[in-house]
N, C-alpha and C. Protein backbone atom coordinates (compact mmCIF):
# COMPACT_ATOMS: atom_id res chain seq x y z
N ALA A 1 4.05 -3.99 -12.87
CA ALA A 1 4.98 -5.37 -13.43
C ALA A 1 5.12 -5.30 -15.25
N PHE A 2 5.90 -6.04 -14.79
CA PHE A 2 6.95 -6.17 -16.75
C PHE A 2 6.93 -7.81 -17.31
N LEU A 3 6.95 -7.65 -18.09
CA LEU A 3 7.35 -8.89 -19.08
C LEU A 3 8.72 -8.67 -19.49
N ARG A 4 8.88 -10.24 -19.89
CA ARG A 4 10.50 -9.93 -19.66
C ARG A 4 10.75 -10.73 -20.92
N GLY A 5 11.71 -10.57 -22.05
CA GLY A 5 12.36 -11.75 -22.82
C GLY A 5 14.28 -11.22 -23.39
N LEU A 6 14.08 -12.40 -24.25
CA LEU A 6 15.36 -13.09 -25.21
C LEU A 6 14.43 -12.65 -26.96
N SER A 7 15.22 -11.90 -27.57
CA SER A 7 15.17 -12.10 -28.36
C SER A 7 16.10 -11.78 -29.81
N TRP A 8 16.08 -12.69 -30.96
CA TRP A 8 16.92 -12.72 -31.75
C TRP A 8 17.45 -12.72 -33.50
N ASP A 9 18.08 -13.15 -33.87
CA ASP A 9 17.57 -12.80 -35.52
C ASP A 9 19.04 -13.47 -35.70
N GLU A 10 18.70 -14.41 -36.81
CA GLU A 10 19.95 -14.94 -37.35
C GLU A 10 19.93 -14.99 -38.39
N SER A 11 19.72 -14.51 -38.98
CA SER A 11 19.13 -14.40 -40.70
C SER A 11 18.75 -13.34 -41.42
N PRO A 12 19.44 -12.19 -42.65
CA PRO A 12 20.77 -12.86 -43.12
C PRO A 12 21.96 -13.30 -42.54
N ILE A 13 22.14 -11.75 -41.54
CA ILE A 13 23.48 -11.76 -40.60
C ILE A 13 22.68 -11.68 -39.02
N THR A 14 24.24 -11.98 -38.45
CA THR A 14 24.06 -11.35 -37.05
C THR A 14 23.87 -10.71 -36.57
N ARG A 15 22.27 -10.44 -35.95
CA ARG A 15 22.14 -8.88 -34.99
C ARG A 15 21.12 -8.96 -34.37
N PRO A 16 20.34 -8.21 -33.33
CA PRO A 16 19.39 -8.04 -32.79
C PRO A 16 18.32 -7.76 -33.89
N PRO A 17 17.13 -8.32 -33.34
CA PRO A 17 15.85 -7.33 -33.87
C PRO A 17 15.75 -6.14 -33.66
N ALA A 18 15.06 -5.31 -35.07
CA ALA A 18 14.54 -3.42 -35.16
C ALA A 18 14.36 -3.67 -33.51
N ARG A 19 12.56 -4.75 -33.54
CA ARG A 19 11.43 -4.43 -32.52
C ARG A 19 11.60 -5.69 -31.96
N VAL A 20 10.41 -5.65 -30.91
CA VAL A 20 10.06 -7.39 -30.25
C VAL A 20 8.14 -6.25 -29.83
N GLU A 21 7.44 -7.05 -30.72
CA GLU A 21 5.92 -6.56 -30.21
C GLU A 21 5.24 -7.80 -29.42
N ILE A 22 4.72 -7.01 -29.15
CA ILE A 22 3.32 -7.82 -27.95
C ILE A 22 2.39 -7.78 -28.49
N SER A 23 1.29 -8.61 -28.00
CA SER A 23 -0.21 -9.40 -27.85
C SER A 23 -0.25 -9.37 -26.88
N ILE A 24 -1.49 -8.55 -26.80
CA ILE A 24 -2.37 -8.96 -25.00
C ILE A 24 -3.34 -9.42 -25.35
N ASP A 25 -4.03 -11.10 -25.08
CA ASP A 25 -5.25 -11.34 -25.61
C ASP A 25 -5.70 -11.41 -27.03
N GLY A 26 -5.19 -11.46 -28.40
CA GLY A 26 -4.87 -11.03 -29.21
C GLY A 26 -5.81 -10.18 -30.31
N GLY A 27 -5.30 -8.89 -29.13
CA GLY A 27 -5.73 -7.38 -29.43
C GLY A 27 -4.34 -6.92 -30.54
N ARG A 28 -4.30 -5.49 -30.58
CA ARG A 28 -3.48 -5.31 -31.27
C ARG A 28 -1.85 -5.26 -30.83
N PHE A 29 -1.20 -5.39 -32.38
CA PHE A 29 0.89 -5.51 -31.32
C PHE A 29 1.41 -4.45 -30.81
N TYR A 30 2.33 -4.49 -29.56
CA TYR A 30 2.93 -2.74 -28.79
C TYR A 30 3.95 -3.38 -29.56
N PRO A 31 5.05 -1.86 -29.07
CA PRO A 31 6.24 -2.40 -29.11
C PRO A 31 6.60 -2.40 -27.63
N ALA A 32 7.65 -3.85 -27.42
CA ALA A 32 8.56 -3.19 -26.27
C ALA A 32 9.96 -2.54 -26.15
N HIS A 33 9.84 -2.45 -24.56
CA HIS A 33 11.41 -2.06 -24.51
C HIS A 33 12.55 -2.38 -25.19
N LEU A 34 13.78 -2.97 -25.64
CA LEU A 34 14.92 -3.23 -26.45
C LEU A 34 15.76 -3.25 -25.77
N SER A 35 16.84 -3.45 -25.18
CA SER A 35 18.22 -3.47 -25.67
C SER A 35 18.56 -4.91 -25.42
N SER A 36 19.93 -4.07 -26.46
CA SER A 36 21.12 -5.23 -26.62
C SER A 36 22.11 -5.21 -25.78
N GLY A 37 22.92 -7.26 -25.38
CA GLY A 37 24.43 -6.68 -24.90
C GLY A 37 23.91 -7.53 -23.36
N GLY A 38 24.92 -7.81 -22.99
CA GLY A 38 24.29 -8.37 -21.20
C GLY A 38 24.61 -8.06 -19.94
N GLN A 39 23.89 -8.60 -19.24
CA GLN A 39 23.51 -7.44 -18.19
C GLN A 39 24.86 -6.75 -17.49
N VAL A 40 24.93 -5.88 -17.02
CA VAL A 40 25.51 -4.85 -16.37
C VAL A 40 25.92 -5.12 -14.88
N ALA A 41 26.59 -5.28 -14.37
CA ALA A 41 26.86 -5.90 -13.13
C ALA A 41 26.79 -4.42 -12.64
N PRO A 42 26.98 -4.49 -10.88
CA PRO A 42 26.91 -2.64 -9.88
C PRO A 42 27.85 -2.15 -10.16
N ASP A 43 29.15 -2.93 -10.44
CA ASP A 43 30.72 -2.04 -10.64
C ASP A 43 31.21 -0.94 -12.39
N GLY A 44 29.24 -1.95 -13.23
CA GLY A 44 29.44 -1.19 -14.49
C GLY A 44 30.16 -2.20 -15.35
N THR A 45 30.75 -2.86 -15.36
CA THR A 45 30.81 -3.64 -16.30
C THR A 45 30.27 -4.92 -16.26
N GLN A 46 30.31 -5.22 -18.01
CA GLN A 46 29.30 -6.35 -18.31
C GLN A 46 29.59 -7.54 -18.00
N SER A 47 28.41 -8.20 -17.29
CA SER A 47 28.80 -9.42 -16.29
C SER A 47 28.60 -10.94 -17.06
N ARG A 48 27.64 -10.37 -18.03
CA ARG A 48 27.68 -11.88 -18.80
C ARG A 48 27.00 -11.16 -20.97
N GLN A 49 27.48 -11.50 -21.36
CA GLN A 49 27.44 -11.21 -22.59
C GLN A 49 26.88 -11.93 -23.51
N GLU A 50 24.95 -11.90 -23.50
CA GLU A 50 24.57 -13.02 -25.30
C GLU A 50 25.55 -12.68 -25.95
N PRO A 51 24.82 -13.01 -27.40
CA PRO A 51 25.11 -13.22 -28.94
C PRO A 51 24.46 -12.01 -29.58
N SER A 52 25.24 -11.66 -30.60
CA SER A 52 25.41 -10.55 -31.04
C SER A 52 24.30 -10.05 -32.03
N SER A 53 23.77 -11.49 -31.23
CA SER A 53 21.74 -11.28 -31.89
C SER A 53 20.90 -11.21 -31.43
N THR A 54 20.72 -11.79 -29.85
CA THR A 54 20.32 -11.50 -29.22
C THR A 54 20.20 -9.78 -28.25
N ALA A 55 18.83 -9.98 -28.02
CA ALA A 55 18.13 -8.45 -27.62
C ALA A 55 17.24 -8.57 -26.65
N LYS A 56 17.60 -8.50 -25.14
CA LYS A 56 16.67 -8.23 -24.13
C LYS A 56 15.34 -7.40 -24.22
N TRP A 57 14.10 -8.11 -24.02
CA TRP A 57 12.82 -6.47 -24.35
C TRP A 57 12.03 -6.86 -22.82
N LEU A 58 12.56 -5.72 -22.50
CA LEU A 58 10.90 -5.41 -21.52
C LEU A 58 9.61 -5.15 -22.36
N PHE A 59 8.49 -4.97 -21.53
CA PHE A 59 6.96 -4.71 -21.62
C PHE A 59 5.73 -4.60 -20.42
N PRO A 60 6.34 -3.44 -20.65
CA PRO A 60 5.15 -3.08 -18.86
C PRO A 60 3.92 -3.29 -19.27
N LEU A 61 3.38 -4.10 -17.68
CA LEU A 61 1.80 -4.52 -17.72
C LEU A 61 1.06 -3.02 -16.69
N TRP A 62 0.15 -2.48 -16.63
CA TRP A 62 -0.41 -1.21 -16.95
C TRP A 62 -2.04 -2.46 -15.24
N LEU A 63 -1.19 -2.06 -14.60
CA LEU A 63 -2.33 -3.23 -13.86
C LEU A 63 -3.52 -1.84 -13.18
N THR A 64 -4.79 -2.57 -13.30
CA THR A 64 -5.57 -1.63 -12.44
C THR A 64 -6.38 -2.29 -11.10
N SER A 65 -6.84 -2.94 -11.63
CA SER A 65 -7.95 -3.84 -10.80
C SER A 65 -7.96 -5.05 -10.89
N GLN A 66 -7.17 -5.98 -11.74
CA GLN A 66 -6.97 -7.00 -11.99
C GLN A 66 -7.21 -8.18 -10.19
N ASP A 67 -7.93 -9.32 -10.87
CA ASP A 67 -8.21 -9.77 -9.55
C ASP A 67 -7.72 -11.38 -9.42
N GLY A 68 -6.86 -11.98 -10.87
CA GLY A 68 -6.94 -13.02 -10.75
C GLY A 68 -7.32 -13.71 -12.76
N VAL A 69 -6.97 -12.05 -12.74
CA VAL A 69 -7.17 -12.41 -14.45
C VAL A 69 -6.52 -13.33 -15.40
N PRO A 70 -6.92 -14.27 -16.12
CA PRO A 70 -5.76 -14.37 -16.87
C PRO A 70 -6.08 -13.85 -18.44
N VAL A 71 -4.42 -14.01 -18.88
CA VAL A 71 -4.52 -13.51 -20.51
C VAL A 71 -3.41 -13.75 -21.22
N GLU A 72 -4.10 -14.09 -22.47
CA GLU A 72 -2.33 -14.43 -22.56
C GLU A 72 -1.38 -13.82 -23.69
N VAL A 73 -0.80 -13.66 -23.81
CA VAL A 73 0.23 -12.98 -24.19
C VAL A 73 1.05 -13.70 -25.43
N VAL A 74 1.42 -12.91 -26.25
CA VAL A 74 2.14 -13.41 -27.95
C VAL A 74 3.73 -12.71 -28.30
N ALA A 75 4.38 -13.09 -28.59
CA ALA A 75 5.33 -11.67 -29.14
C ALA A 75 5.95 -12.09 -30.42
N ARG A 76 6.30 -11.23 -30.41
CA ARG A 76 7.27 -10.98 -32.19
C ARG A 76 8.03 -10.86 -32.54
N ALA A 77 9.55 -10.68 -33.89
CA ALA A 77 10.69 -9.44 -33.82
C ALA A 77 10.58 -9.48 -34.91
N VAL A 78 10.53 -7.97 -35.54
CA VAL A 78 10.48 -7.10 -36.26
C VAL A 78 12.09 -7.23 -36.71
N ASP A 79 12.13 -7.39 -38.47
CA ASP A 79 14.03 -7.88 -37.73
C ASP A 79 14.27 -6.03 -38.74
N GLN A 80 16.05 -5.31 -39.07
CA GLN A 80 16.58 -4.38 -39.61
C GLN A 80 15.29 -4.05 -41.11
N ALA A 81 15.24 -5.03 -41.73
CA ALA A 81 14.75 -5.10 -42.68
C ALA A 81 12.79 -4.83 -43.17
N GLY A 82 12.45 -4.66 -41.46
CA GLY A 82 10.67 -4.58 -41.49
C GLY A 82 10.06 -6.07 -41.47
N ASN A 83 10.92 -7.50 -42.04
CA ASN A 83 10.02 -8.46 -42.24
C ASN A 83 10.26 -8.90 -40.06
N VAL A 84 8.69 -9.21 -40.71
CA VAL A 84 7.54 -9.62 -38.81
C VAL A 84 8.32 -11.02 -39.11
N GLY A 85 8.95 -11.38 -37.78
CA GLY A 85 8.82 -12.77 -37.62
C GLY A 85 7.95 -13.43 -36.71
N ALA A 86 8.11 -15.07 -37.02
CA ALA A 86 6.97 -16.06 -37.03
C ALA A 86 6.58 -15.79 -35.33
N GLU A 87 5.33 -15.90 -34.73
CA GLU A 87 4.28 -15.21 -33.56
C GLU A 87 4.94 -16.45 -32.30
N SER A 88 4.68 -16.21 -31.17
CA SER A 88 5.83 -16.53 -30.49
C SER A 88 4.02 -17.96 -29.94
N ALA A 89 4.88 -18.84 -28.88
CA ALA A 89 3.89 -19.69 -28.90
C ALA A 89 3.11 -18.95 -28.04
N PRO A 90 1.29 -18.54 -27.18
CA PRO A 90 0.56 -18.11 -26.60
C PRO A 90 0.68 -18.46 -25.64
N MET A 91 1.53 -17.49 -24.94
CA MET A 91 1.89 -17.90 -23.16
C MET A 91 0.47 -17.24 -22.25
N THR A 92 -0.09 -18.40 -20.92
CA THR A 92 -1.22 -17.73 -20.69
C THR A 92 -0.39 -17.20 -19.04
N ILE A 93 -0.38 -16.03 -18.55
CA ILE A 93 -0.64 -16.02 -17.41
C ILE A 93 -1.87 -14.72 -16.87
N THR A 94 -1.42 -15.12 -14.65
CA THR A 94 -2.54 -14.43 -14.47
C THR A 94 -1.99 -12.93 -14.00
N LEU A 95 -2.87 -11.59 -14.25
CA LEU A 95 -2.82 -10.69 -13.90
C LEU A 95 -3.38 -10.64 -12.77
N ASP A 96 -3.43 -10.22 -11.55
CA ASP A 96 -3.64 -10.35 -10.00
C ASP A 96 -2.61 -8.90 -9.51
N ASN A 97 -3.47 -8.12 -8.98
CA ASN A 97 -2.63 -6.84 -8.01
C ASN A 97 -3.63 -6.41 -7.17
N GLN A 98 -4.76 -7.46 -6.42
CA GLN A 98 -6.16 -6.80 -5.87
C GLN A 98 -5.64 -8.06 -4.65
N GLY A 99 -6.01 -7.76 -3.50
CA GLY A 99 -5.71 -8.85 -2.04
C GLY A 99 -7.42 -8.68 -2.08
N PRO A 100 -7.64 -9.96 -1.32
CA PRO A 100 -8.53 -10.51 -1.32
C PRO A 100 -9.81 -9.75 -0.26
N SER A 101 -11.40 -10.16 -1.01
CA SER A 101 -12.15 -9.40 -0.89
C SER A 101 -12.96 -9.57 0.94
N LEU A 102 -12.64 -9.37 1.61
CA LEU A 102 -13.54 -9.09 3.27
C LEU A 102 -14.85 -9.24 3.95
N THR A 103 -15.63 -9.51 3.96
CA THR A 103 -17.17 -8.74 4.78
C THR A 103 -16.59 -9.70 5.96
N ALA A 104 -17.57 -8.78 7.05
CA ALA A 104 -17.19 -9.46 8.66
C ALA A 104 -18.51 -9.39 9.41
N LEU A 105 -19.18 -9.82 10.25
CA LEU A 105 -20.46 -9.40 11.14
C LEU A 105 -20.93 -9.99 12.36
N GLN A 106 -20.75 -9.14 13.57
CA GLN A 106 -20.69 -9.72 14.53
C GLN A 106 -22.14 -10.28 15.65
N LYS A 107 -21.72 -11.58 15.90
CA LYS A 107 -23.74 -12.53 16.33
C LYS A 107 -22.96 -12.96 17.42
N GLU A 108 -23.09 -11.69 18.59
CA GLU A 108 -22.43 -11.87 19.89
C GLU A 108 -21.67 -12.17 20.13
N GLY A 109 -20.85 -13.08 20.91
CA GLY A 109 -19.95 -13.46 20.68
C GLY A 109 -18.63 -14.50 19.27
N LEU A 110 -19.45 -14.16 18.47
CA LEU A 110 -19.20 -14.92 17.34
C LEU A 110 -19.15 -13.83 16.52
N LEU A 111 -17.74 -13.84 15.82
CA LEU A 111 -17.33 -12.96 14.32
C LEU A 111 -17.42 -13.30 13.08
N GLU A 112 -18.28 -13.41 12.13
CA GLU A 112 -17.85 -14.21 11.20
C GLU A 112 -17.88 -13.62 9.76
N GLY A 113 -17.49 -14.17 8.46
CA GLY A 113 -17.70 -13.00 7.42
C GLY A 113 -17.14 -14.30 6.46
N ALA A 114 -16.81 -13.75 5.31
CA ALA A 114 -16.88 -14.38 3.89
C ALA A 114 -15.50 -13.63 3.04
N ALA A 115 -14.09 -14.88 2.86
CA ALA A 115 -13.15 -14.43 2.19
C ALA A 115 -12.82 -14.69 0.55
N SER A 116 -12.85 -14.03 -0.16
CA SER A 116 -12.62 -14.46 -1.69
C SER A 116 -11.62 -13.59 -2.56
N ASP A 117 -10.94 -14.15 -4.03
CA ASP A 117 -10.35 -13.77 -4.61
C ASP A 117 -10.37 -14.33 -5.94
N GLY A 118 -10.14 -13.64 -6.88
CA GLY A 118 -10.18 -14.33 -8.14
C GLY A 118 -8.65 -15.48 -8.35
N SER A 119 -7.85 -15.13 -7.00
CA SER A 119 -6.63 -16.32 -7.75
C SER A 119 -6.82 -17.13 -5.99
N GLY A 120 -7.69 -16.58 -5.10
CA GLY A 120 -7.52 -17.81 -3.92
C GLY A 120 -6.99 -17.31 -3.29
N VAL A 121 -7.49 -16.97 -1.79
CA VAL A 121 -6.88 -16.91 -0.37
C VAL A 121 -6.23 -17.94 -0.02
N ALA A 122 -5.79 -17.00 0.60
CA ALA A 122 -4.02 -17.74 1.45
C ALA A 122 -4.48 -18.48 2.42
N TRP A 123 -4.97 -16.57 2.85
CA TRP A 123 -4.86 -17.35 4.66
C TRP A 123 -5.48 -15.57 5.25
N LEU A 124 -5.68 -16.11 6.70
CA LEU A 124 -6.60 -15.07 6.87
C LEU A 124 -6.03 -14.83 8.61
N GLU A 125 -5.73 -13.52 9.15
CA GLU A 125 -5.79 -13.58 10.12
C GLU A 125 -6.66 -12.54 11.35
N ILE A 126 -6.92 -13.43 12.57
CA ILE A 126 -7.66 -11.88 13.23
C ILE A 126 -6.33 -11.51 14.74
N SER A 127 -7.00 -10.18 14.51
CA SER A 127 -5.90 -9.30 15.81
C SER A 127 -6.85 -8.52 16.61
N LEU A 128 -7.42 -8.84 17.90
CA LEU A 128 -8.37 -8.32 19.06
C LEU A 128 -7.55 -7.42 19.87
N ASP A 129 -6.00 -7.51 19.86
CA ASP A 129 -5.20 -6.36 20.23
C ASP A 129 -4.33 -5.34 20.03
N GLY A 130 -5.13 -4.98 18.98
CA GLY A 130 -4.28 -3.71 18.31
C GLY A 130 -3.50 -3.75 17.02
N GLY A 131 -3.11 -5.81 17.01
CA GLY A 131 -1.93 -5.33 16.00
C GLY A 131 -0.87 -6.41 16.33
N ALA A 132 -1.24 -6.63 17.82
CA ALA A 132 0.08 -6.97 18.36
C ALA A 132 -0.08 -8.52 18.59
N HIS A 133 -0.35 -9.11 18.39
CA HIS A 133 -1.19 -10.33 18.44
C HIS A 133 -1.87 -10.92 16.92
N TYR A 134 -1.47 -11.84 16.30
CA TYR A 134 -2.23 -11.95 15.07
C TYR A 134 -3.38 -13.89 15.22
N LEU A 135 -4.49 -14.33 15.46
CA LEU A 135 -4.14 -15.99 15.04
C LEU A 135 -4.81 -15.95 13.65
N PRO A 136 -4.35 -16.81 13.63
CA PRO A 136 -5.04 -17.28 11.80
C PRO A 136 -6.21 -18.02 12.67
N VAL A 137 -7.65 -17.86 11.28
CA VAL A 137 -9.13 -18.28 11.53
C VAL A 137 -8.96 -19.42 10.13
N THR A 138 -9.41 -20.02 10.67
CA THR A 138 -9.89 -20.95 9.14
C THR A 138 -10.80 -20.55 8.29
N ILE A 139 -10.67 -20.64 6.75
CA ILE A 139 -11.53 -20.57 5.82
C ILE A 139 -12.09 -21.63 5.41
N GLU A 140 -13.41 -22.51 4.80
CA GLU A 140 -14.03 -23.33 4.40
C GLU A 140 -14.73 -22.62 3.56
N ASP A 141 -14.51 -23.48 2.22
CA ASP A 141 -16.14 -23.11 1.29
C ASP A 141 -15.80 -20.74 0.87
N GLY A 142 -15.35 -19.97 1.33
CA GLY A 142 -15.14 -19.09 1.43
C GLY A 142 -15.49 -18.68 3.22
N ALA A 143 -16.56 -19.03 3.25
CA ALA A 143 -16.32 -18.81 5.25
C ALA A 143 -15.79 -18.83 5.96
N TRP A 144 -15.53 -17.96 6.75
CA TRP A 144 -15.00 -17.60 8.12
C TRP A 144 -15.65 -18.05 9.69
N SER A 145 -14.94 -17.92 10.58
CA SER A 145 -16.14 -17.60 11.71
C SER A 145 -14.19 -17.55 12.78
N PHE A 146 -15.13 -17.08 13.52
CA PHE A 146 -14.08 -16.79 15.30
C PHE A 146 -14.64 -15.82 16.50
N GLU A 147 -14.64 -17.37 17.26
CA GLU A 147 -14.94 -17.71 18.22
C GLU A 147 -14.49 -16.17 19.36
N LEU A 148 -14.83 -15.02 19.96
CA LEU A 148 -14.27 -13.93 20.93
C LEU A 148 -13.33 -14.79 21.94
N ALA A 149 -14.19 -15.37 22.67
CA ALA A 149 -13.68 -15.96 23.54
C ALA A 149 -12.76 -16.86 23.66
N SER A 150 -12.19 -17.03 22.37
CA SER A 150 -10.91 -18.02 22.22
C SER A 150 -9.91 -17.42 21.95
N TRP A 151 -10.29 -15.70 22.16
CA TRP A 151 -8.92 -14.74 21.98
C TRP A 151 -7.31 -15.30 22.53
N SER A 152 -6.04 -14.88 22.59
CA SER A 152 -5.40 -15.97 23.75
C SER A 152 -4.85 -14.50 23.76
N GLY A 153 -4.31 -13.60 22.27
CA GLY A 153 -3.41 -12.08 22.52
C GLY A 153 -3.34 -11.77 24.19
N SER A 154 -2.92 -10.30 23.89
CA SER A 154 -3.29 -8.90 25.17
C SER A 154 -4.56 -9.04 25.17
N TRP A 155 -4.91 -8.69 26.41
CA TRP A 155 -6.34 -7.70 26.84
C TRP A 155 -6.78 -7.12 25.37
N PRO A 156 -7.91 -7.80 25.23
CA PRO A 156 -8.65 -7.37 23.51
C PRO A 156 -9.21 -5.82 23.77
N LEU A 157 -9.65 -5.20 22.96
CA LEU A 157 -10.45 -4.16 22.72
C LEU A 157 -11.70 -3.86 21.73
N PRO A 158 -12.06 -2.98 21.51
CA PRO A 158 -13.89 -2.77 21.33
C PRO A 158 -13.37 -2.49 19.65
N PHE A 159 -12.01 -3.33 19.02
CA PHE A 159 -12.02 -3.71 18.17
C PHE A 159 -11.52 -5.27 17.02
N ALA A 160 -11.73 -5.49 16.03
CA ALA A 160 -11.11 -6.39 15.20
C ALA A 160 -10.27 -5.62 14.42
N MET A 161 -9.51 -6.43 14.09
CA MET A 161 -8.04 -6.42 13.16
C MET A 161 -8.20 -7.42 11.68
N LEU A 162 -8.66 -7.88 10.70
CA LEU A 162 -8.50 -9.36 10.25
C LEU A 162 -7.35 -8.42 8.56
N ARG A 163 -6.83 -9.45 8.60
CA ARG A 163 -5.86 -8.94 7.69
C ARG A 163 -5.55 -10.33 6.42
N ALA A 164 -5.21 -10.42 5.08
CA ALA A 164 -5.26 -11.77 4.48
C ALA A 164 -4.75 -11.91 3.46
N ALA A 165 -4.56 -12.93 2.70
CA ALA A 165 -3.34 -12.67 1.75
C ALA A 165 -4.00 -13.56 0.82
N ASP A 166 -4.06 -13.12 -0.84
CA ASP A 166 -4.09 -14.27 -1.64
C ASP A 166 -2.57 -14.66 -2.57
N VAL A 167 -3.37 -15.27 -3.17
CA VAL A 167 -2.16 -17.31 -3.29
C VAL A 167 -0.51 -16.29 -4.05
N TRP A 168 -0.84 -14.99 -4.47
CA TRP A 168 0.46 -14.03 -4.66
C TRP A 168 1.21 -12.91 -3.57
N GLY A 169 0.29 -13.12 -2.80
CA GLY A 169 1.08 -12.34 -1.82
C GLY A 169 0.09 -10.94 -1.81
N ASN A 170 -1.46 -10.12 -2.23
CA ASN A 170 -1.97 -9.16 -1.99
C ASN A 170 -2.39 -9.76 -0.58
N VAL A 171 -1.94 -8.46 -0.04
CA VAL A 171 -2.80 -8.29 1.21
C VAL A 171 -3.78 -7.85 1.67
N THR A 172 -4.97 -7.65 2.58
CA THR A 172 -6.03 -6.85 2.79
C THR A 172 -6.29 -6.67 3.91
N HIS A 173 -6.18 -4.85 4.77
CA HIS A 173 -6.56 -4.94 5.91
C HIS A 173 -7.96 -4.74 5.55
N GLU A 174 -8.53 -5.02 7.52
CA GLU A 174 -10.27 -4.69 7.99
C GLU A 174 -9.63 -4.27 9.20
N VAL A 175 -10.74 -3.40 9.25
CA VAL A 175 -10.95 -3.83 10.82
C VAL A 175 -12.03 -2.93 10.97
N LEU A 176 -12.94 -3.81 12.41
CA LEU A 176 -14.32 -3.54 12.76
C LEU A 176 -15.02 -3.81 13.77
N PRO A 177 -15.65 -2.56 14.02
CA PRO A 177 -15.99 -2.42 15.93
C PRO A 177 -16.57 -3.95 16.53
N VAL A 178 -16.79 -4.19 17.45
CA VAL A 178 -17.05 -5.14 17.80
C VAL A 178 -17.01 -5.01 19.27
N GLU A 179 -17.75 -5.69 19.99
CA GLU A 179 -18.60 -5.24 21.52
C GLU A 179 -18.05 -6.98 21.82
N ILE A 180 -17.10 -6.57 22.69
CA ILE A 180 -16.68 -8.01 23.99
C ILE A 180 -17.18 -7.98 25.29
N GLU A 181 -18.23 -9.08 25.26
CA GLU A 181 -18.64 -8.95 26.76
C GLU A 181 -17.03 -9.85 27.61
N TYR A 182 -17.02 -8.62 28.57
CA TYR A 182 -15.70 -8.66 30.17
C TYR A 182 -16.32 -9.08 30.88
N GLU A 183 -15.07 -10.15 31.76
CA GLU A 183 -15.81 -11.42 32.61
C GLU A 183 -15.50 -10.32 34.37
N ARG A 184 -16.76 -10.73 35.35
CA ARG A 184 -16.34 -9.25 35.73
C ARG A 184 -15.39 -10.55 36.91
N LEU A 185 -14.95 -9.24 37.62
CA LEU A 185 -13.54 -10.06 38.34
C LEU A 185 -14.33 -9.02 39.61
N TYR A 186 -14.29 -10.04 40.96
CA TYR A 186 -14.05 -9.21 42.31
C TYR A 186 -13.12 -9.48 42.79
N LEU A 187 -12.39 -8.62 43.44
CA LEU A 187 -11.18 -8.80 43.74
C LEU A 187 -11.57 -8.59 45.70
N PRO A 188 -11.04 -8.79 47.06
CA PRO A 188 -11.18 -8.63 48.40
C PRO A 188 -10.64 -7.43 48.06
N LEU A 189 -11.06 -6.80 48.85
CA LEU A 189 -10.65 -5.76 49.78
C LEU A 189 -10.51 -5.89 50.85
N ILE A 190 -8.48 -5.87 50.86
CA ILE A 190 -8.29 -6.04 52.57
C ILE A 190 -7.84 -5.01 53.26
N MET A 191 -8.30 -4.11 54.58
CA MET A 191 -8.18 -3.08 54.47
C MET A 191 -6.80 -3.35 55.80
N LYS A 192 -5.87 -2.50 56.68
CA LYS A 192 -5.55 -2.35 57.76
C LYS A 192 -5.76 -1.27 57.98
N SER A 193 -5.98 -1.58 59.42
CA SER A 193 -5.86 0.14 60.79
C SER A 193 -4.61 0.26 61.50
N GLY A 194 -4.04 0.87 61.74
CA GLY A 194 -3.88 1.36 62.87
C GLY A 194 -2.06 1.84 62.45
């Protein structure tokens, strides 16, 4: 993940700043990657030229296991003479690279569990046929349940596949064994002699 922005220096002469620095949550300032000029089109030509005093900057975010963590970002520019410009207004962003946490337990013909995420769970689905079909599962206050008898996909297998996504699109997959009671079906046997 990256933060991107534009920076400029118009005084005393028009040229891009020497560097841009970024601070996360009031910590020390780190340098951003700086480039001047317009965007390069696929054929190698300049597609848009920013003013000569403008520079684009890019700052990588090192995500490890954040799950809906809000952080405050501040940027500042330093000109060619070493003068530090004013800090930008703080901007709060959310770091999230983890899918929802899922728990599941079977109680006879019912699967139930919990789904939680630091940013919020967007959806949960279940498959009993190895992923050929998925059915949506309703989550209420973080809890969910699914009646095995309500399955309407292909012939059920002895395991359930759960998948859930948070509001940012991070997906979690879980597989758990299930015991399914199959209805016995007796068919008449007709024999012909002859």
